[in-house]
Amino acid sequence: MKQIIKQIAKLERVDQLIRLKATGRPSDLAKRLEVSEATVFRIIDTMKEMNAPIYYDLARQSYLYSEMTMFKCGFYLEELDDKTERELSGGHAFANLRKVLEF
């Protein structure tokens, strides 16, 4: 579990540096993250697989996002409308729950 948390923290840190346009070259980013350059490439590839629109800008010598994006990993609460809630619960449990709540 601790390993997963560390990996998520690295992804969040890279995301922050990309937003700041301050990753530097891959070798610089590797030093900053205290990982190998190969690990930096794996992190960037992982983020791309998660649909992050990342590219390397030669002029700035930094990774950038090609469009506004937000990396969010974790749990958060979201209020759902009735239709979405029904779809998530399969419909039947939702109807029964409504009856119980109305009682």
N, C-alpha and C. Protein backbone atom coordinates (compact mmCIF):
# COMPACT_ATOMS: atom_id res chain seq x y z
N MET A 1 0.83 -1.20 0.00
CA MET A 1 0.00 0.00 0.00
C MET A 1 0.87 1.25 0.00
N LYS A 2 1.93 1.23 0.80
CA LYS A 2 2.81 2.40 0.85
C LYS A 2 3.42 2.71 -0.51
N GLN A 3 3.73 1.64 -1.28
CA GLN A 3 4.31 1.81 -2.60
C GLN A 3 3.34 2.54 -3.54
N ILE A 4 2.08 2.17 -3.48
CA ILE A 4 1.07 2.82 -4.32
C ILE A 4 0.95 4.29 -3.95
N ILE A 5 0.94 4.59 -2.67
CA ILE A 5 0.83 5.97 -2.21
C ILE A 5 2.03 6.78 -2.69
N LYS A 6 3.22 6.20 -2.66
CA LYS A 6 4.42 6.88 -3.15
C LYS A 6 4.32 7.15 -4.65
N GLN A 7 3.81 6.18 -5.39
CA GLN A 7 3.68 6.35 -6.84
C GLN A 7 2.66 7.44 -7.17
N ILE A 8 1.57 7.46 -6.44
CA ILE A 8 0.57 8.51 -6.66
C ILE A 8 1.17 9.87 -6.33
N ALA A 9 1.93 9.94 -5.26
CA ALA A 9 2.57 11.21 -4.89
C ALA A 9 3.52 11.68 -5.99
N LYS A 10 4.22 10.75 -6.62
CA LYS A 10 5.12 11.14 -7.72
C LYS A 10 4.31 11.67 -8.91
N LEU A 11 3.21 11.00 -9.22
CA LEU A 11 2.35 11.47 -10.31
C LEU A 11 1.83 12.88 -10.02
N GLU A 12 1.40 13.10 -8.79
CA GLU A 12 0.89 14.42 -8.40
C GLU A 12 2.00 15.48 -8.50
N ARG A 13 3.22 15.11 -8.11
CA ARG A 13 4.35 16.05 -8.17
C ARG A 13 4.68 16.39 -9.62
N VAL A 14 4.70 15.38 -10.49
CA VAL A 14 4.98 15.63 -11.91
C VAL A 14 3.87 16.50 -12.50
N ASP A 15 2.63 16.21 -12.16
CA ASP A 15 1.51 17.03 -12.63
C ASP A 15 1.70 18.49 -12.22
N GLN A 16 2.08 18.70 -10.97
CA GLN A 16 2.30 20.06 -10.48
C GLN A 16 3.42 20.75 -11.27
N LEU A 17 4.51 20.06 -11.49
CA LEU A 17 5.63 20.65 -12.23
C LEU A 17 5.26 20.94 -13.68
N ILE A 18 4.46 20.06 -14.28
CA ILE A 18 4.02 20.32 -15.65
C ILE A 18 3.15 21.57 -15.69
N ARG A 19 2.26 21.71 -14.73
CA ARG A 19 1.40 22.91 -14.68
C ARG A 19 2.23 24.19 -14.53
N LEU A 20 3.30 24.08 -13.76
CA LEU A 20 4.19 25.24 -13.56
C LEU A 20 5.16 25.44 -14.71
N LYS A 21 5.11 24.51 -15.68
CA LYS A 21 6.05 24.53 -16.81
C LYS A 21 7.48 24.51 -16.30
N ALA A 22 7.71 23.65 -15.31
CA ALA A 22 9.00 23.65 -14.62
C ALA A 22 9.58 22.25 -14.41
N THR A 23 9.29 21.34 -15.34
CA THR A 23 9.87 20.00 -15.17
C THR A 23 11.35 20.00 -15.53
N GLY A 24 11.73 20.87 -16.46
CA GLY A 24 13.09 20.82 -16.98
C GLY A 24 13.24 19.61 -17.88
N ARG A 25 14.48 19.33 -18.24
CA ARG A 25 14.77 18.16 -19.08
C ARG A 25 14.51 16.88 -18.27
N PRO A 26 14.35 15.77 -18.95
CA PRO A 26 14.12 14.52 -18.22
C PRO A 26 15.18 14.24 -17.16
N SER A 27 16.44 14.55 -17.46
CA SER A 27 17.50 14.33 -16.47
C SER A 27 17.32 15.23 -15.25
N ASP A 28 16.87 16.47 -15.47
CA ASP A 28 16.61 17.39 -14.36
C ASP A 28 15.44 16.89 -13.50
N LEU A 29 14.40 16.43 -14.17
CA LEU A 29 13.23 15.93 -13.47
C LEU A 29 13.59 14.68 -12.66
N ALA A 30 14.44 13.84 -13.22
CA ALA A 30 14.88 12.63 -12.51
C ALA A 30 15.61 13.00 -11.22
N LYS A 31 16.47 13.99 -11.31
CA LYS A 31 17.20 14.43 -10.10
C LYS A 31 16.24 15.00 -9.07
N ARG A 32 15.30 15.80 -9.54
CA ARG A 32 14.34 16.43 -8.63
C ARG A 32 13.48 15.39 -7.91
N LEU A 33 13.10 14.34 -8.64
CA LEU A 33 12.26 13.29 -8.07
C LEU A 33 13.07 12.18 -7.38
N GLU A 34 14.38 12.27 -7.53
CA GLU A 34 15.29 11.25 -6.98
C GLU A 34 14.98 9.87 -7.54
N VAL A 35 14.83 9.82 -8.87
CA VAL A 35 14.61 8.57 -9.59
C VAL A 35 15.52 8.56 -10.81
N SER A 36 15.53 7.46 -11.51
CA SER A 36 16.33 7.38 -12.74
C SER A 36 15.59 8.08 -13.88
N GLU A 37 16.33 8.38 -14.94
CA GLU A 37 15.72 8.99 -16.10
C GLU A 37 14.72 8.02 -16.74
N ALA A 38 15.04 6.73 -16.70
CA ALA A 38 14.12 5.71 -17.24
C ALA A 38 12.80 5.74 -16.47
N THR A 39 12.86 5.96 -15.16
CA THR A 39 11.64 6.04 -14.36
C THR A 39 10.83 7.27 -14.76
N VAL A 40 11.50 8.37 -15.05
CA VAL A 40 10.79 9.57 -15.52
C VAL A 40 10.01 9.24 -16.79
N PHE A 41 10.65 8.56 -17.72
CA PHE A 41 9.96 8.20 -18.97
C PHE A 41 8.78 7.27 -18.69
N ARG A 42 8.91 6.36 -17.74
CA ARG A 42 7.80 5.48 -17.38
C ARG A 42 6.66 6.28 -16.75
N ILE A 43 7.00 7.25 -15.91
CA ILE A 43 5.96 8.10 -15.28
C ILE A 43 5.20 8.86 -16.36
N ILE A 44 5.94 9.48 -17.27
CA ILE A 44 5.30 10.25 -18.35
C ILE A 44 4.44 9.32 -19.22
N ASP A 45 4.96 8.14 -19.54
CA ASP A 45 4.17 7.18 -20.33
C ASP A 45 2.91 6.76 -19.60
N THR A 46 3.02 6.54 -18.30
CA THR A 46 1.85 6.17 -17.50
C THR A 46 0.81 7.28 -17.53
N MET A 47 1.26 8.51 -17.38
CA MET A 47 0.33 9.64 -17.41
C MET A 47 -0.34 9.74 -18.78
N LYS A 48 0.43 9.50 -19.85
CA LYS A 48 -0.15 9.53 -21.19
C LYS A 48 -1.18 8.42 -21.36
N GLU A 49 -0.90 7.24 -20.80
CA GLU A 49 -1.86 6.14 -20.86
C GLU A 49 -3.14 6.48 -20.11
N MET A 50 -3.03 7.38 -19.14
CA MET A 50 -4.20 7.84 -18.38
C MET A 50 -4.85 9.04 -19.06
N ASN A 51 -4.49 9.27 -20.33
CA ASN A 51 -5.04 10.34 -21.18
C ASN A 51 -4.55 11.74 -20.87
N ALA A 52 -3.42 11.87 -20.22
CA ALA A 52 -2.86 13.21 -19.99
C ALA A 52 -2.27 13.70 -21.31
N PRO A 53 -2.66 14.90 -21.75
CA PRO A 53 -2.17 15.43 -23.02
C PRO A 53 -0.78 16.06 -22.87
N ILE A 54 0.23 15.24 -22.63
CA ILE A 54 1.59 15.72 -22.34
C ILE A 54 2.44 15.70 -23.60
N TYR A 55 3.24 16.73 -23.74
CA TYR A 55 4.26 16.74 -24.79
C TYR A 55 5.50 17.45 -24.24
N TYR A 56 6.61 17.24 -24.89
CA TYR A 56 7.86 17.89 -24.47
C TYR A 56 8.11 19.08 -25.37
N ASP A 57 8.28 20.26 -24.77
CA ASP A 57 8.53 21.49 -25.52
C ASP A 57 10.04 21.73 -25.54
N LEU A 58 10.64 21.63 -26.73
CA LEU A 58 12.09 21.81 -26.86
C LEU A 58 12.54 23.22 -26.50
N ALA A 59 11.75 24.21 -26.87
CA ALA A 59 12.12 25.61 -26.58
C ALA A 59 12.17 25.87 -25.08
N ARG A 60 11.18 25.39 -24.36
CA ARG A 60 11.13 25.59 -22.90
C ARG A 60 11.92 24.54 -22.13
N GLN A 61 12.26 23.46 -22.82
CA GLN A 61 12.91 22.31 -22.21
C GLN A 61 12.14 21.85 -20.97
N SER A 62 10.85 21.60 -21.21
CA SER A 62 9.96 21.17 -20.14
C SER A 62 8.79 20.41 -20.74
N TYR A 63 8.25 19.50 -19.95
CA TYR A 63 7.00 18.85 -20.35
C TYR A 63 5.87 19.84 -20.11
N LEU A 64 4.89 19.81 -21.01
CA LEU A 64 3.73 20.70 -20.91
C LEU A 64 2.46 19.90 -21.22
N TYR A 65 1.35 20.47 -20.84
CA TYR A 65 0.06 19.94 -21.26
C TYR A 65 -0.37 20.70 -22.50
N SER A 66 -0.89 19.97 -23.49
CA SER A 66 -1.34 20.63 -24.72
C SER A 66 -2.71 21.28 -24.54
N GLU A 67 -3.41 20.92 -23.48
CA GLU A 67 -4.68 21.56 -23.15
C GLU A 67 -4.87 21.50 -21.64
N MET A 68 -5.75 22.34 -21.14
CA MET A 68 -6.01 22.37 -19.71
C MET A 68 -6.49 21.00 -19.25
N THR A 69 -5.90 20.53 -18.19
CA THR A 69 -6.26 19.23 -17.66
C THR A 69 -6.07 19.23 -16.15
N MET A 70 -6.63 18.23 -15.50
CA MET A 70 -6.49 18.15 -14.06
C MET A 70 -6.28 16.70 -13.66
N PHE A 71 -5.25 16.44 -12.90
CA PHE A 71 -4.98 15.10 -12.39
C PHE A 71 -5.59 15.01 -11.01
N LYS A 72 -6.43 14.00 -10.81
CA LYS A 72 -7.06 13.82 -9.51
C LYS A 72 -7.06 12.33 -9.20
N CYS A 73 -6.44 11.98 -8.13
CA CYS A 73 -6.39 10.58 -7.74
C CYS A 73 -6.74 10.50 -6.26
N GLY A 74 -7.78 9.81 -5.95
CA GLY A 74 -8.21 9.69 -4.57
C GLY A 74 -9.71 9.58 -4.50
N PHE A 75 -10.23 9.77 -3.33
CA PHE A 75 -11.66 9.66 -3.12
C PHE A 75 -12.24 11.05 -2.90
N TYR A 76 -13.39 11.28 -3.46
CA TYR A 76 -14.08 12.53 -3.24
C TYR A 76 -15.57 12.27 -3.31
N LEU A 77 -16.31 13.15 -2.72
CA LEU A 77 -17.77 13.01 -2.70
C LEU A 77 -18.37 13.78 -3.85
N GLU A 78 -19.35 13.19 -4.44
CA GLU A 78 -20.04 13.84 -5.54
C GLU A 78 -21.53 13.55 -5.39
N GLU A 79 -22.32 14.59 -5.38
CA GLU A 79 -23.76 14.41 -5.27
C GLU A 79 -24.29 13.98 -6.63
N LEU A 80 -25.08 12.92 -6.63
CA LEU A 80 -25.61 12.37 -7.87
C LEU A 80 -27.08 12.69 -8.02
N ASP A 81 -27.51 12.88 -9.26
CA ASP A 81 -28.93 13.06 -9.50
C ASP A 81 -29.61 11.68 -9.45
N ASP A 82 -30.94 11.67 -9.39
CA ASP A 82 -31.69 10.42 -9.25
C ASP A 82 -31.38 9.42 -10.36
N LYS A 83 -31.31 9.89 -11.59
CA LYS A 83 -31.08 9.00 -12.73
C LYS A 83 -29.72 8.33 -12.62
N THR A 84 -28.69 9.08 -12.32
CA THR A 84 -27.34 8.53 -12.20
C THR A 84 -27.27 7.54 -11.04
N GLU A 85 -27.90 7.89 -9.94
CA GLU A 85 -27.90 7.01 -8.77
C GLU A 85 -28.60 5.69 -9.08
N ARG A 86 -29.71 5.77 -9.81
CA ARG A 86 -30.43 4.55 -10.20
C ARG A 86 -29.55 3.67 -11.09
N GLU A 87 -28.86 4.29 -12.03
CA GLU A 87 -28.00 3.53 -12.94
C GLU A 87 -26.86 2.85 -12.18
N LEU A 88 -26.32 3.51 -11.18
CA LEU A 88 -25.23 2.93 -10.41
C LEU A 88 -25.70 1.78 -9.54
N SER A 89 -26.90 1.87 -9.03
CA SER A 89 -27.40 0.82 -8.13
C SER A 89 -28.20 -0.24 -8.86
N GLY A 90 -28.35 -0.12 -10.15
CA GLY A 90 -29.10 -1.11 -10.91
C GLY A 90 -30.59 -0.87 -10.91
N GLY A 91 -31.05 0.20 -10.27
CA GLY A 91 -32.45 0.56 -10.30
C GLY A 91 -33.28 -0.03 -9.18
N HIS A 92 -33.17 -1.32 -8.93
CA HIS A 92 -34.02 -1.99 -7.95
C HIS A 92 -33.73 -1.51 -6.53
N ALA A 93 -32.47 -1.48 -6.17
CA ALA A 93 -32.13 -1.07 -4.81
C ALA A 93 -32.53 0.38 -4.58
N PHE A 94 -32.43 1.19 -5.60
CA PHE A 94 -32.78 2.60 -5.48
C PHE A 94 -34.26 2.76 -5.15
N ALA A 95 -35.10 2.04 -5.84
CA ALA A 95 -36.55 2.12 -5.61
C ALA A 95 -36.89 1.66 -4.20
N ASN A 96 -36.30 0.57 -3.76
CA ASN A 96 -36.54 0.06 -2.41
C ASN A 96 -36.05 1.04 -1.35
N LEU A 97 -34.91 1.62 -1.57
CA LEU A 97 -34.36 2.59 -0.64
C LEU A 97 -35.27 3.81 -0.54
N ARG A 98 -35.80 4.26 -1.65
CA ARG A 98 -36.74 5.40 -1.65
C ARG A 98 -37.93 5.10 -0.74
N LYS A 99 -38.48 3.90 -0.85
CA LYS A 99 -39.64 3.51 -0.03
C LYS A 99 -39.29 3.53 1.44
N VAL A 100 -38.11 3.04 1.78
CA VAL A 100 -37.68 3.02 3.18
C VAL A 100 -37.51 4.44 3.70
N LEU A 101 -36.92 5.31 2.89
CA LEU A 101 -36.69 6.67 3.30
C LEU A 101 -37.99 7.46 3.47
N GLU A 102 -38.98 7.12 2.65
CA GLU A 102 -40.27 7.80 2.75
C GLU A 102 -41.07 7.36 3.95
N PHE A 103 -40.81 6.21 4.48
CA PHE A 103 -41.52 5.67 5.63
C PHE A 103 -41.23 6.55 6.80
